[in-house]
């Protein structure tokens, strides 16, 4: 995803005209979608191609467990300000329409009795792999992350950078790979009583 920004600048170096800016954005979007598809195929996930309504263009969806992942765009007005979701198209709203149970203030999932099993069908929730354009350095994104928006797309239930997410996953994998040594049972030495002749 990071390379898509640099490659788009290489393909369309001149954005002094509005047409050039639009062309670079289209190239970047195509490269980002290609990266998502390749990652989905490499991880043997379910990769689908969906179409907007009306069918003006297609987009990839990667299904991983309870989530369906698509691409999104976030922005912040100033450095350090809270990021907001810029992608609010109809297909994104449909993708995230069932995200209400992921609200941390929502108590339904927390209060489920132990005797009741929770079954979450594959692809129930919608998640986004998001990027933020860097106006100061177009070769590198200002942010790449995993984003779980609310069903209205006006809030974010969960967000983190892809770098921190990958670091967390690596640490979990390393912990699982560590050999577990079997605890050795140490026998305590027994003292022998002295007999009369030894005294």
N, C-alpha and C. Protein backbone atom coordinates (compact mmCIF):
# COMPACT_ATOMS: atom_id res chain seq x y z
N UNK A 1 0.83 -1.19 0.00
CA UNK A 1 0.00 0.00 0.00
C UNK A 1 0.87 1.25 0.00
N UNK A 2 1.97 1.19 0.72
CA UNK A 2 2.87 2.35 0.75
C UNK A 2 3.51 2.58 -0.62
N UNK A 3 3.89 1.50 -1.28
CA UNK A 3 4.54 1.61 -2.59
C UNK A 3 3.59 2.20 -3.62
N UNK A 4 2.28 2.01 -3.45
CA UNK A 4 1.31 2.53 -4.40
C UNK A 4 1.40 4.05 -4.52
N UNK A 5 1.72 4.73 -3.43
CA UNK A 5 1.83 6.19 -3.46
C UNK A 5 3.03 6.62 -4.29
N UNK A 6 4.19 5.99 -4.06
CA UNK A 6 5.39 6.34 -4.81
C UNK A 6 5.24 5.99 -6.28
N UNK A 7 4.64 4.84 -6.58
CA UNK A 7 4.47 4.44 -7.98
C UNK A 7 3.51 5.37 -8.72
N UNK A 8 2.48 5.86 -8.03
CA UNK A 8 1.54 6.78 -8.67
C UNK A 8 2.22 8.09 -9.02
N UNK A 9 3.13 8.56 -8.17
CA UNK A 9 3.89 9.78 -8.46
C UNK A 9 4.80 9.56 -9.65
N UNK A 10 5.40 8.37 -9.74
CA UNK A 10 6.29 8.06 -10.86
C UNK A 10 5.53 8.01 -12.18
N UNK A 11 4.32 7.47 -12.16
CA UNK A 11 3.51 7.36 -13.38
C UNK A 11 2.97 8.72 -13.80
N UNK A 12 2.51 9.52 -12.85
CA UNK A 12 1.96 10.85 -13.14
C UNK A 12 2.72 11.88 -12.31
N UNK A 13 3.89 12.34 -12.79
CA UNK A 13 4.71 13.25 -11.98
C UNK A 13 4.17 14.68 -11.92
N UNK A 14 3.42 15.10 -12.95
CA UNK A 14 2.95 16.48 -13.02
C UNK A 14 1.49 16.58 -12.59
N UNK A 15 1.24 17.29 -11.49
CA UNK A 15 -0.13 17.49 -11.03
C UNK A 15 -0.46 18.99 -10.96
N UNK A 16 0.25 19.76 -11.77
CA UNK A 16 -0.01 21.20 -11.79
C UNK A 16 -1.38 21.51 -12.39
N UNK A 17 -1.88 20.60 -13.23
CA UNK A 17 -3.22 20.76 -13.79
C UNK A 17 -4.19 19.85 -13.05
N UNK A 18 -5.46 20.24 -12.92
CA UNK A 18 -6.45 19.39 -12.24
C UNK A 18 -6.56 17.99 -12.84
N UNK A 19 -6.39 17.90 -14.17
CA UNK A 19 -6.47 16.58 -14.81
C UNK A 19 -5.33 15.67 -14.36
N UNK A 20 -4.15 16.25 -14.11
CA UNK A 20 -3.02 15.46 -13.64
C UNK A 20 -3.26 14.95 -12.23
N UNK A 21 -3.83 15.79 -11.38
CA UNK A 21 -4.14 15.39 -10.01
C UNK A 21 -5.16 14.26 -9.99
N UNK A 22 -6.17 14.37 -10.86
CA UNK A 22 -7.19 13.32 -10.95
C UNK A 22 -6.59 12.02 -11.46
N UNK A 23 -5.70 12.13 -12.47
CA UNK A 23 -5.06 10.94 -13.04
C UNK A 23 -4.19 10.24 -12.01
N UNK A 24 -3.43 11.00 -11.21
CA UNK A 24 -2.58 10.38 -10.19
C UNK A 24 -3.43 9.68 -9.14
N UNK A 25 -4.52 10.31 -8.74
CA UNK A 25 -5.41 9.67 -7.76
C UNK A 25 -5.99 8.38 -8.27
N UNK A 26 -6.35 8.33 -9.56
CA UNK A 26 -6.91 7.10 -10.15
C UNK A 26 -5.86 6.00 -10.21
N UNK A 27 -4.62 6.37 -10.58
CA UNK A 27 -3.54 5.38 -10.62
C UNK A 27 -3.26 4.84 -9.22
N UNK A 28 -3.22 5.73 -8.25
CA UNK A 28 -2.96 5.31 -6.87
C UNK A 28 -4.05 4.35 -6.38
N UNK A 29 -5.30 4.68 -6.69
CA UNK A 29 -6.40 3.81 -6.27
C UNK A 29 -6.29 2.44 -6.91
N UNK A 30 -5.95 2.39 -8.20
CA UNK A 30 -5.79 1.11 -8.88
C UNK A 30 -4.68 0.28 -8.26
N UNK A 31 -3.56 0.93 -7.94
CA UNK A 31 -2.43 0.22 -7.33
C UNK A 31 -2.78 -0.28 -5.92
N UNK A 32 -3.54 0.52 -5.17
CA UNK A 32 -3.96 0.09 -3.84
C UNK A 32 -4.88 -1.12 -3.92
N UNK A 33 -5.80 -1.11 -4.88
CA UNK A 33 -6.72 -2.25 -5.03
C UNK A 33 -5.96 -3.49 -5.48
N UNK A 34 -4.95 -3.32 -6.34
CA UNK A 34 -4.13 -4.45 -6.76
C UNK A 34 -3.37 -5.04 -5.57
N UNK A 35 -2.86 -4.17 -4.70
CA UNK A 35 -2.14 -4.64 -3.50
C UNK A 35 -3.06 -5.42 -2.59
N UNK A 36 -4.31 -4.94 -2.42
CA UNK A 36 -5.27 -5.64 -1.56
C UNK A 36 -5.60 -7.02 -2.13
N UNK A 37 -5.81 -7.09 -3.44
CA UNK A 37 -6.11 -8.38 -4.07
C UNK A 37 -4.95 -9.36 -3.90
N UNK A 38 -3.72 -8.88 -4.16
CA UNK A 38 -2.56 -9.75 -4.04
C UNK A 38 -2.39 -10.28 -2.62
N UNK A 39 -2.59 -9.40 -1.64
CA UNK A 39 -2.47 -9.82 -0.24
C UNK A 39 -3.54 -10.84 0.11
N UNK A 40 -4.76 -10.64 -0.42
CA UNK A 40 -5.84 -11.59 -0.17
C UNK A 40 -5.55 -12.95 -0.77
N UNK A 41 -5.08 -12.96 -2.02
CA UNK A 41 -4.75 -14.23 -2.68
C UNK A 41 -3.58 -14.93 -1.98
N UNK A 42 -2.57 -14.13 -1.55
CA UNK A 42 -1.39 -14.71 -0.90
C UNK A 42 -1.76 -15.37 0.42
N UNK A 43 -2.75 -14.82 1.13
CA UNK A 43 -3.16 -15.39 2.42
C UNK A 43 -4.29 -16.40 2.26
N UNK A 44 -4.62 -16.71 0.99
CA UNK A 44 -5.67 -17.69 0.68
C UNK A 44 -7.02 -17.28 1.27
N UNK A 45 -7.26 -15.98 1.32
CA UNK A 45 -8.56 -15.48 1.79
C UNK A 45 -9.54 -15.46 0.62
N UNK A 46 -10.80 -15.25 0.94
CA UNK A 46 -11.84 -15.17 -0.07
C UNK A 46 -11.84 -13.76 -0.66
N UNK A 47 -11.42 -13.61 -1.92
CA UNK A 47 -11.34 -12.31 -2.59
C UNK A 47 -12.49 -12.20 -3.58
N UNK A 48 -13.29 -11.16 -3.43
CA UNK A 48 -14.45 -10.96 -4.30
C UNK A 48 -14.32 -9.63 -5.05
N UNK A 49 -14.98 -9.55 -6.17
CA UNK A 49 -15.07 -8.30 -6.92
C UNK A 49 -16.51 -7.84 -6.90
N UNK A 50 -16.73 -6.65 -6.35
CA UNK A 50 -18.06 -6.07 -6.27
C UNK A 50 -18.17 -4.87 -7.20
N UNK A 51 -19.42 -4.51 -7.52
CA UNK A 51 -19.67 -3.36 -8.38
C UNK A 51 -20.53 -2.34 -7.65
N UNK A 52 -20.28 -1.07 -7.94
CA UNK A 52 -21.12 -0.03 -7.40
C UNK A 52 -22.47 -0.04 -8.10
N UNK A 53 -23.46 0.64 -7.51
CA UNK A 53 -24.77 0.77 -8.12
C UNK A 53 -25.04 2.26 -8.37
N UNK A 54 -25.15 2.69 -9.64
CA UNK A 54 -25.02 1.91 -10.89
C UNK A 54 -23.58 1.43 -11.11
N UNK A 55 -23.42 0.48 -12.03
CA UNK A 55 -22.13 -0.18 -12.25
C UNK A 55 -21.15 0.75 -12.96
N UNK A 56 -20.61 1.70 -12.19
CA UNK A 56 -19.63 2.62 -12.78
C UNK A 56 -18.20 2.12 -12.62
N UNK A 57 -17.92 1.41 -11.52
CA UNK A 57 -16.60 0.82 -11.34
C UNK A 57 -16.66 -0.30 -10.31
N UNK A 58 -15.66 -1.15 -10.34
CA UNK A 58 -15.62 -2.31 -9.44
C UNK A 58 -14.59 -2.07 -8.34
N UNK A 59 -14.68 -2.88 -7.28
CA UNK A 59 -13.77 -2.76 -6.15
C UNK A 59 -13.61 -4.13 -5.50
N UNK A 60 -12.46 -4.39 -4.87
CA UNK A 60 -12.23 -5.69 -4.23
C UNK A 60 -12.74 -5.73 -2.80
N UNK A 61 -13.19 -6.91 -2.39
CA UNK A 61 -13.57 -7.19 -1.00
C UNK A 61 -12.82 -8.46 -0.59
N UNK A 62 -12.13 -8.41 0.53
CA UNK A 62 -11.41 -9.57 1.05
C UNK A 62 -12.09 -10.01 2.34
N UNK A 63 -12.54 -11.26 2.38
CA UNK A 63 -13.22 -11.78 3.56
C UNK A 63 -12.25 -12.57 4.43
N UNK A 64 -12.11 -12.12 5.68
CA UNK A 64 -11.24 -12.79 6.65
C UNK A 64 -12.03 -12.98 7.93
N UNK A 65 -12.44 -14.19 8.20
CA UNK A 65 -13.19 -14.47 9.41
C UNK A 65 -14.52 -13.73 9.43
N UNK A 66 -14.77 -12.99 10.50
CA UNK A 66 -16.03 -12.27 10.66
C UNK A 66 -16.07 -10.97 9.88
N UNK A 67 -14.94 -10.60 9.24
CA UNK A 67 -14.86 -9.31 8.57
C UNK A 67 -14.78 -9.43 7.05
N UNK A 68 -15.36 -8.43 6.41
CA UNK A 68 -15.12 -8.17 5.00
C UNK A 68 -14.35 -6.85 4.94
N UNK A 69 -13.22 -6.86 4.25
CA UNK A 69 -12.35 -5.69 4.21
C UNK A 69 -12.38 -5.04 2.83
N UNK A 70 -12.49 -3.72 2.82
CA UNK A 70 -12.40 -2.94 1.59
C UNK A 70 -11.42 -1.80 1.82
N UNK A 71 -11.18 -1.03 0.79
CA UNK A 71 -10.28 0.12 0.90
C UNK A 71 -11.05 1.37 1.27
N UNK A 72 -10.42 2.24 2.03
CA UNK A 72 -11.04 3.50 2.40
C UNK A 72 -10.02 4.63 2.46
N UNK A 73 -10.51 5.84 2.59
CA UNK A 73 -9.66 7.03 2.67
C UNK A 73 -10.04 7.81 3.92
N UNK A 74 -9.03 8.23 4.69
CA UNK A 74 -9.26 9.08 5.85
C UNK A 74 -8.53 10.40 5.65
N UNK A 75 -8.90 11.39 6.45
CA UNK A 75 -8.25 12.69 6.35
C UNK A 75 -8.30 13.38 7.71
N UNK A 76 -7.41 14.33 7.89
CA UNK A 76 -7.43 15.18 9.08
C UNK A 76 -7.14 16.60 8.62
N UNK A 77 -7.86 17.56 9.19
CA UNK A 77 -7.70 18.95 8.76
C UNK A 77 -6.31 19.48 9.08
N UNK A 78 -5.77 19.08 10.23
CA UNK A 78 -4.45 19.54 10.64
C UNK A 78 -3.68 18.38 11.25
N UNK A 79 -2.36 18.54 11.29
CA UNK A 79 -1.51 17.51 11.87
C UNK A 79 -1.85 17.36 13.35
N UNK A 80 -2.03 16.12 13.77
CA UNK A 80 -2.35 15.85 15.16
C UNK A 80 -3.84 15.84 15.46
N UNK A 81 -4.65 16.32 14.51
CA UNK A 81 -6.09 16.30 14.72
C UNK A 81 -6.65 14.90 14.48
N UNK A 82 -7.85 14.65 14.98
CA UNK A 82 -8.48 13.35 14.82
C UNK A 82 -8.80 13.08 13.36
N UNK A 83 -8.51 11.87 12.92
CA UNK A 83 -8.80 11.50 11.54
C UNK A 83 -10.28 11.18 11.35
N UNK A 84 -10.78 11.48 10.17
CA UNK A 84 -12.16 11.18 9.83
C UNK A 84 -12.22 10.37 8.55
N UNK A 85 -13.29 9.65 8.41
CA UNK A 85 -13.46 8.81 7.22
C UNK A 85 -13.98 9.66 6.06
N UNK A 86 -13.22 9.68 4.98
CA UNK A 86 -13.66 10.43 3.80
C UNK A 86 -14.51 9.55 2.89
N UNK A 87 -14.29 8.24 2.93
CA UNK A 87 -15.02 7.31 2.08
C UNK A 87 -16.40 7.05 2.68
N UNK A 88 -17.43 7.67 2.14
CA UNK A 88 -18.78 7.48 2.66
C UNK A 88 -19.74 7.09 1.54
N UNK A 89 -19.23 6.35 0.57
CA UNK A 89 -20.07 5.92 -0.55
C UNK A 89 -21.11 4.91 -0.10
N UNK A 90 -22.07 4.66 -0.96
CA UNK A 90 -23.16 3.75 -0.63
C UNK A 90 -22.66 2.35 -0.36
N UNK A 91 -21.67 1.89 -1.12
CA UNK A 91 -21.19 0.52 -0.92
C UNK A 91 -20.46 0.36 0.40
N UNK A 92 -19.82 1.44 0.90
CA UNK A 92 -19.17 1.38 2.21
C UNK A 92 -20.22 1.34 3.30
N UNK A 93 -21.30 2.10 3.12
CA UNK A 93 -22.40 2.09 4.11
C UNK A 93 -23.03 0.71 4.19
N UNK A 94 -23.20 0.05 3.06
CA UNK A 94 -23.76 -1.31 3.04
C UNK A 94 -22.80 -2.29 3.69
N UNK A 95 -21.50 -2.10 3.46
CA UNK A 95 -20.49 -3.00 4.02
C UNK A 95 -20.49 -2.96 5.54
N UNK A 96 -20.69 -1.76 6.11
CA UNK A 96 -20.58 -1.56 7.55
C UNK A 96 -21.93 -1.45 8.25
N UNK A 97 -23.01 -1.80 7.57
CA UNK A 97 -24.36 -1.62 8.11
C UNK A 97 -24.63 -2.48 9.33
N UNK A 98 -23.85 -3.56 9.55
CA UNK A 98 -24.11 -4.47 10.69
C UNK A 98 -23.04 -4.34 11.77
N UNK A 99 -22.36 -3.20 11.83
CA UNK A 99 -21.27 -3.02 12.79
C UNK A 99 -21.70 -2.59 14.18
N UNK A 100 -23.00 -2.41 14.41
CA UNK A 100 -23.49 -1.91 15.70
C UNK A 100 -23.00 -2.75 16.89
N UNK A 101 -22.97 -4.09 16.83
CA UNK A 101 -22.50 -4.87 17.99
C UNK A 101 -21.03 -4.64 18.35
N UNK A 102 -20.27 -3.99 17.46
CA UNK A 102 -18.86 -3.74 17.74
C UNK A 102 -18.65 -2.48 18.56
N UNK A 103 -19.72 -1.73 18.80
CA UNK A 103 -19.64 -0.53 19.63
C UNK A 103 -19.22 -0.94 21.04
N UNK A 104 -18.18 -0.32 21.56
CA UNK A 104 -17.67 -0.69 22.90
C UNK A 104 -18.67 -0.36 24.00
N UNK A 105 -19.58 0.56 23.73
CA UNK A 105 -20.60 0.91 24.72
C UNK A 105 -21.86 0.05 24.58
N UNK A 106 -21.84 -0.83 23.60
CA UNK A 106 -22.99 -1.70 23.36
C UNK A 106 -22.87 -2.91 24.27
N UNK A 107 -23.88 -3.19 25.10
CA UNK A 107 -23.76 -4.20 26.15
C UNK A 107 -24.30 -5.57 25.76
N UNK A 108 -24.90 -5.71 24.60
CA UNK A 108 -25.55 -6.97 24.26
C UNK A 108 -24.56 -8.14 24.24
N UNK A 109 -23.41 -7.93 23.63
CA UNK A 109 -22.43 -9.02 23.54
C UNK A 109 -21.80 -9.31 24.90
N UNK A 110 -21.69 -8.29 25.75
CA UNK A 110 -21.05 -8.49 27.05
C UNK A 110 -21.94 -9.23 28.04
N UNK A 111 -23.26 -9.09 27.88
CA UNK A 111 -24.18 -9.66 28.85
C UNK A 111 -24.80 -10.98 28.38
N UNK A 112 -24.26 -11.57 27.34
CA UNK A 112 -24.79 -12.84 26.87
C UNK A 112 -24.53 -13.93 27.91
N UNK A 113 -25.56 -14.67 28.33
CA UNK A 113 -25.35 -15.74 29.32
C UNK A 113 -24.36 -16.78 28.83
N UNK A 114 -23.66 -17.41 29.76
CA UNK A 114 -22.65 -18.40 29.39
C UNK A 114 -23.26 -19.61 28.68
N UNK A 115 -24.54 -19.87 28.94
CA UNK A 115 -25.19 -21.03 28.33
C UNK A 115 -25.58 -20.79 26.88
N UNK A 116 -25.49 -19.52 26.43
CA UNK A 116 -25.88 -19.20 25.05
C UNK A 116 -24.62 -19.05 24.21
N UNK A 117 -24.58 -19.79 23.10
CA UNK A 117 -23.43 -19.71 22.20
C UNK A 117 -23.64 -18.56 21.22
N UNK A 118 -22.58 -17.79 20.99
CA UNK A 118 -22.64 -16.72 20.02
C UNK A 118 -22.09 -17.23 18.70
N UNK A 119 -22.88 -17.15 17.66
CA UNK A 119 -22.45 -17.57 16.34
C UNK A 119 -22.42 -16.34 15.44
N UNK A 120 -21.23 -16.00 14.96
CA UNK A 120 -21.08 -14.85 14.07
C UNK A 120 -20.76 -15.39 12.68
N UNK A 121 -21.67 -15.24 11.73
CA UNK A 121 -21.43 -15.76 10.38
C UNK A 121 -20.22 -15.08 9.74
N UNK A 122 -19.50 -15.78 8.87
CA UNK A 122 -18.35 -15.19 8.19
C UNK A 122 -18.75 -13.93 7.41
N UNK A 123 -17.91 -12.91 7.49
CA UNK A 123 -18.16 -11.70 6.73
C UNK A 123 -19.29 -10.84 7.24
N UNK A 124 -19.64 -10.98 8.51
CA UNK A 124 -20.76 -10.21 9.06
C UNK A 124 -20.44 -8.72 9.16
N UNK A 125 -19.24 -8.41 9.62
CA UNK A 125 -18.87 -7.01 9.88
C UNK A 125 -18.04 -6.43 8.74
N UNK A 126 -18.04 -5.12 8.67
CA UNK A 126 -17.27 -4.43 7.63
C UNK A 126 -16.09 -3.69 8.22
N UNK A 127 -14.92 -3.89 7.64
CA UNK A 127 -13.71 -3.19 8.06
C UNK A 127 -13.04 -2.56 6.85
N UNK A 128 -12.19 -1.59 7.10
CA UNK A 128 -11.52 -0.88 6.01
C UNK A 128 -10.02 -0.83 6.24
N UNK A 129 -9.27 -1.03 5.18
CA UNK A 129 -7.85 -0.71 5.19
C UNK A 129 -7.75 0.69 4.61
N UNK A 130 -7.36 1.64 5.44
CA UNK A 130 -7.45 3.04 5.04
C UNK A 130 -6.06 3.65 4.82
N UNK A 131 -6.02 4.67 3.99
CA UNK A 131 -4.80 5.45 3.76
C UNK A 131 -5.15 6.93 3.84
N UNK A 132 -4.15 7.71 4.18
CA UNK A 132 -4.31 9.17 4.20
C UNK A 132 -3.24 9.80 3.31
N UNK A 133 -3.66 10.65 2.42
CA UNK A 133 -2.74 11.32 1.49
C UNK A 133 -1.86 12.30 2.25
N UNK A 134 -0.59 12.35 1.87
CA UNK A 134 0.38 13.24 2.49
C UNK A 134 0.70 14.37 1.51
N UNK A 135 0.16 15.56 1.75
CA UNK A 135 0.38 16.67 0.84
C UNK A 135 1.83 17.14 0.82
N UNK A 136 2.55 16.93 1.94
CA UNK A 136 3.94 17.38 2.02
C UNK A 136 4.91 16.41 1.34
N UNK A 137 4.53 15.14 1.30
CA UNK A 137 5.38 14.13 0.65
C UNK A 137 4.47 13.11 -0.02
N UNK A 138 4.07 13.35 -1.28
CA UNK A 138 3.12 12.45 -1.96
C UNK A 138 3.64 11.03 -2.17
N UNK A 139 4.97 10.82 -2.01
CA UNK A 139 5.54 9.49 -2.20
C UNK A 139 5.19 8.53 -1.06
N UNK A 140 4.81 9.08 0.09
CA UNK A 140 4.58 8.25 1.28
C UNK A 140 3.23 8.64 1.89
N UNK A 141 2.40 7.67 2.25
CA UNK A 141 1.12 8.01 2.89
C UNK A 141 1.34 8.56 4.29
N UNK A 142 0.46 9.47 4.70
CA UNK A 142 0.54 10.00 6.06
C UNK A 142 0.09 8.96 7.08
N UNK A 143 -0.76 8.01 6.63
CA UNK A 143 -1.28 7.00 7.54
C UNK A 143 -1.77 5.80 6.74
N UNK A 144 -1.43 4.62 7.20
CA UNK A 144 -2.01 3.37 6.69
C UNK A 144 -2.53 2.63 7.91
N UNK A 145 -3.81 2.22 7.88
CA UNK A 145 -4.33 1.59 9.07
C UNK A 145 -5.54 0.72 8.84
N UNK A 146 -5.94 0.06 9.93
CA UNK A 146 -7.14 -0.78 9.96
C UNK A 146 -8.22 0.02 10.67
N UNK A 147 -9.40 0.12 10.08
CA UNK A 147 -10.43 1.04 10.54
C UNK A 147 -11.77 0.30 10.59
N UNK A 148 -12.44 0.34 11.75
CA UNK A 148 -13.78 -0.24 11.88
C UNK A 148 -14.75 0.90 12.18
N UNK A 149 -15.49 1.37 11.18
CA UNK A 149 -16.41 2.48 11.40
C UNK A 149 -17.74 2.02 11.98
N UNK A 150 -18.48 2.98 12.50
CA UNK A 150 -19.83 2.69 12.98
C UNK A 150 -20.74 2.42 11.78
N UNK A 151 -21.93 1.93 12.08
CA UNK A 151 -22.86 1.62 10.98
C UNK A 151 -23.30 2.88 10.24
N UNK A 152 -23.18 4.06 10.87
CA UNK A 152 -23.53 5.31 10.20
C UNK A 152 -22.32 5.96 9.52
N UNK A 153 -21.13 5.38 9.73
CA UNK A 153 -19.86 5.87 9.19
C UNK A 153 -19.41 7.19 9.82
N UNK A 154 -20.12 7.67 10.86
CA UNK A 154 -19.78 8.94 11.48
C UNK A 154 -18.84 8.80 12.66
N UNK A 155 -18.66 7.57 13.15
CA UNK A 155 -17.77 7.32 14.28
C UNK A 155 -16.80 6.20 13.89
N UNK A 156 -15.76 6.06 14.69
CA UNK A 156 -14.85 4.93 14.51
C UNK A 156 -14.87 4.11 15.78
N UNK A 157 -15.18 2.82 15.66
CA UNK A 157 -15.20 1.93 16.81
C UNK A 157 -13.80 1.43 17.15
N UNK A 158 -12.97 1.28 16.12
CA UNK A 158 -11.62 0.79 16.35
C UNK A 158 -10.72 1.25 15.21
N UNK A 159 -9.53 1.68 15.54
CA UNK A 159 -8.55 2.06 14.52
C UNK A 159 -7.15 1.86 15.05
N UNK A 160 -6.27 1.44 14.19
CA UNK A 160 -4.85 1.34 14.54
C UNK A 160 -4.04 1.35 13.26
N UNK A 161 -2.80 1.74 13.37
CA UNK A 161 -1.93 1.75 12.19
C UNK A 161 -1.57 0.32 11.81
N UNK A 162 -1.32 0.10 10.54
CA UNK A 162 -0.93 -1.24 10.09
C UNK A 162 0.41 -1.63 10.70
N UNK A 163 1.28 -0.65 10.93
CA UNK A 163 2.59 -0.95 11.53
C UNK A 163 2.43 -1.52 12.93
N UNK A 164 1.58 -0.89 13.76
CA UNK A 164 1.37 -1.39 15.12
C UNK A 164 0.63 -2.72 15.11
N UNK A 165 -0.29 -2.89 14.16
CA UNK A 165 -1.01 -4.15 14.05
C UNK A 165 -0.07 -5.29 13.68
N UNK A 166 0.83 -5.04 12.73
CA UNK A 166 1.78 -6.08 12.31
C UNK A 166 2.77 -6.40 13.43
N UNK A 167 3.19 -5.39 14.18
CA UNK A 167 4.08 -5.61 15.32
C UNK A 167 3.42 -6.49 16.37
N UNK A 168 2.14 -6.22 16.63
CA UNK A 168 1.40 -7.01 17.61
C UNK A 168 1.26 -8.46 17.14
N UNK A 169 0.95 -8.65 15.85
CA UNK A 169 0.79 -10.01 15.33
C UNK A 169 2.11 -10.77 15.35
N UNK A 170 3.21 -10.07 15.04
CA UNK A 170 4.53 -10.72 15.07
C UNK A 170 4.87 -11.20 16.48
N UNK A 171 4.57 -10.38 17.48
CA UNK A 171 4.89 -10.76 18.85
C UNK A 171 4.07 -11.97 19.28
N UNK A 172 2.82 -12.04 18.82
CA UNK A 172 1.98 -13.21 19.15
C UNK A 172 2.55 -14.46 18.50
N UNK A 173 2.97 -14.34 17.22
CA UNK A 173 3.54 -15.48 16.50
C UNK A 173 4.83 -15.95 17.16
N UNK A 174 5.70 -14.98 17.53
CA UNK A 174 6.96 -15.33 18.18
C UNK A 174 6.71 -16.04 19.51
N UNK A 175 5.71 -15.60 20.24
CA UNK A 175 5.39 -16.23 21.53
C UNK A 175 4.91 -17.66 21.32
N UNK A 176 4.17 -17.89 20.24
CA UNK A 176 3.68 -19.24 19.95
C UNK A 176 4.80 -20.16 19.49
N UNK A 177 5.83 -19.59 18.88
CA UNK A 177 6.95 -20.40 18.38
C UNK A 177 7.95 -20.77 19.45
N UNK A 178 7.93 -20.08 20.58
CA UNK A 178 8.90 -20.36 21.63
C UNK A 178 8.72 -21.79 22.14
N UNK A 179 9.81 -22.56 22.25
CA UNK A 179 9.68 -23.92 22.77
C UNK A 179 9.31 -23.91 24.25
N UNK A 180 8.34 -24.71 24.57
CA UNK A 180 7.91 -24.80 25.96
C UNK A 180 8.68 -25.94 26.64
N UNK A 181 9.56 -25.58 27.56
CA UNK A 181 10.36 -26.58 28.25
C UNK A 181 9.54 -27.27 29.32
N UNK A 182 9.73 -28.57 29.38
CA UNK A 182 9.03 -29.34 30.38
C UNK A 182 9.66 -29.10 31.75
N UNK A 183 8.81 -28.85 32.70
CA UNK A 183 9.30 -28.60 34.06
C UNK A 183 9.91 -29.88 34.62
N UNK A 184 11.15 -29.78 35.06
CA UNK A 184 11.83 -30.93 35.64
C UNK A 184 11.50 -31.03 37.13
N UNK A 185 11.16 -32.23 37.52
CA UNK A 185 10.87 -32.45 38.93
C UNK A 185 12.18 -32.80 39.63
N UNK A 186 12.59 -31.94 40.48
CA UNK A 186 13.85 -32.15 41.20
C UNK A 186 13.57 -32.92 42.50
N UNK A 187 14.30 -34.00 42.66
CA UNK A 187 14.15 -34.80 43.88
C UNK A 187 15.06 -34.25 44.96
N UNK A 188 14.46 -34.03 46.11
CA UNK A 188 15.25 -33.54 47.24
C UNK A 188 16.08 -34.68 47.82
N UNK A 189 17.35 -34.42 48.11
CA UNK A 189 18.20 -35.50 48.68
C UNK A 189 17.73 -35.88 50.08
N UNK A 190 17.78 -37.16 50.34
CA UNK A 190 17.38 -37.66 51.67
C UNK A 190 18.62 -37.91 52.51
N UNK A 191 18.60 -37.42 53.73
CA UNK A 191 19.72 -37.62 54.64
C UNK A 191 19.59 -38.99 55.32
N UNK A 192 20.71 -39.70 55.33
CA UNK A 192 20.70 -41.03 55.96
C UNK A 192 21.10 -40.90 57.42
N UNK A 193 20.35 -41.58 58.27
CA UNK A 193 20.66 -41.57 59.70
C UNK A 193 21.92 -42.37 59.98
N UNK A 194 22.75 -41.81 60.86
CA UNK A 194 23.96 -42.51 61.22
C UNK A 194 23.66 -43.64 62.20
N UNK A 195 24.32 -44.76 61.97
CA UNK A 195 24.17 -45.90 62.92
C UNK A 195 25.16 -45.75 64.07
N UNK A 196 25.04 -46.61 65.07
CA UNK A 196 25.92 -46.53 66.26
C UNK A 196 27.35 -46.78 65.90
N UNK A 197 27.67 -47.74 64.98
CA UNK A 197 29.06 -48.06 64.63
C UNK A 197 29.71 -46.90 63.94
N UNK A 198 28.91 -46.13 63.12
CA UNK A 198 29.50 -44.98 62.40
C UNK A 198 29.86 -43.87 63.36
N UNK A 199 29.17 -43.78 64.49
CA UNK A 199 29.49 -42.75 65.47
C UNK A 199 30.85 -43.03 66.11
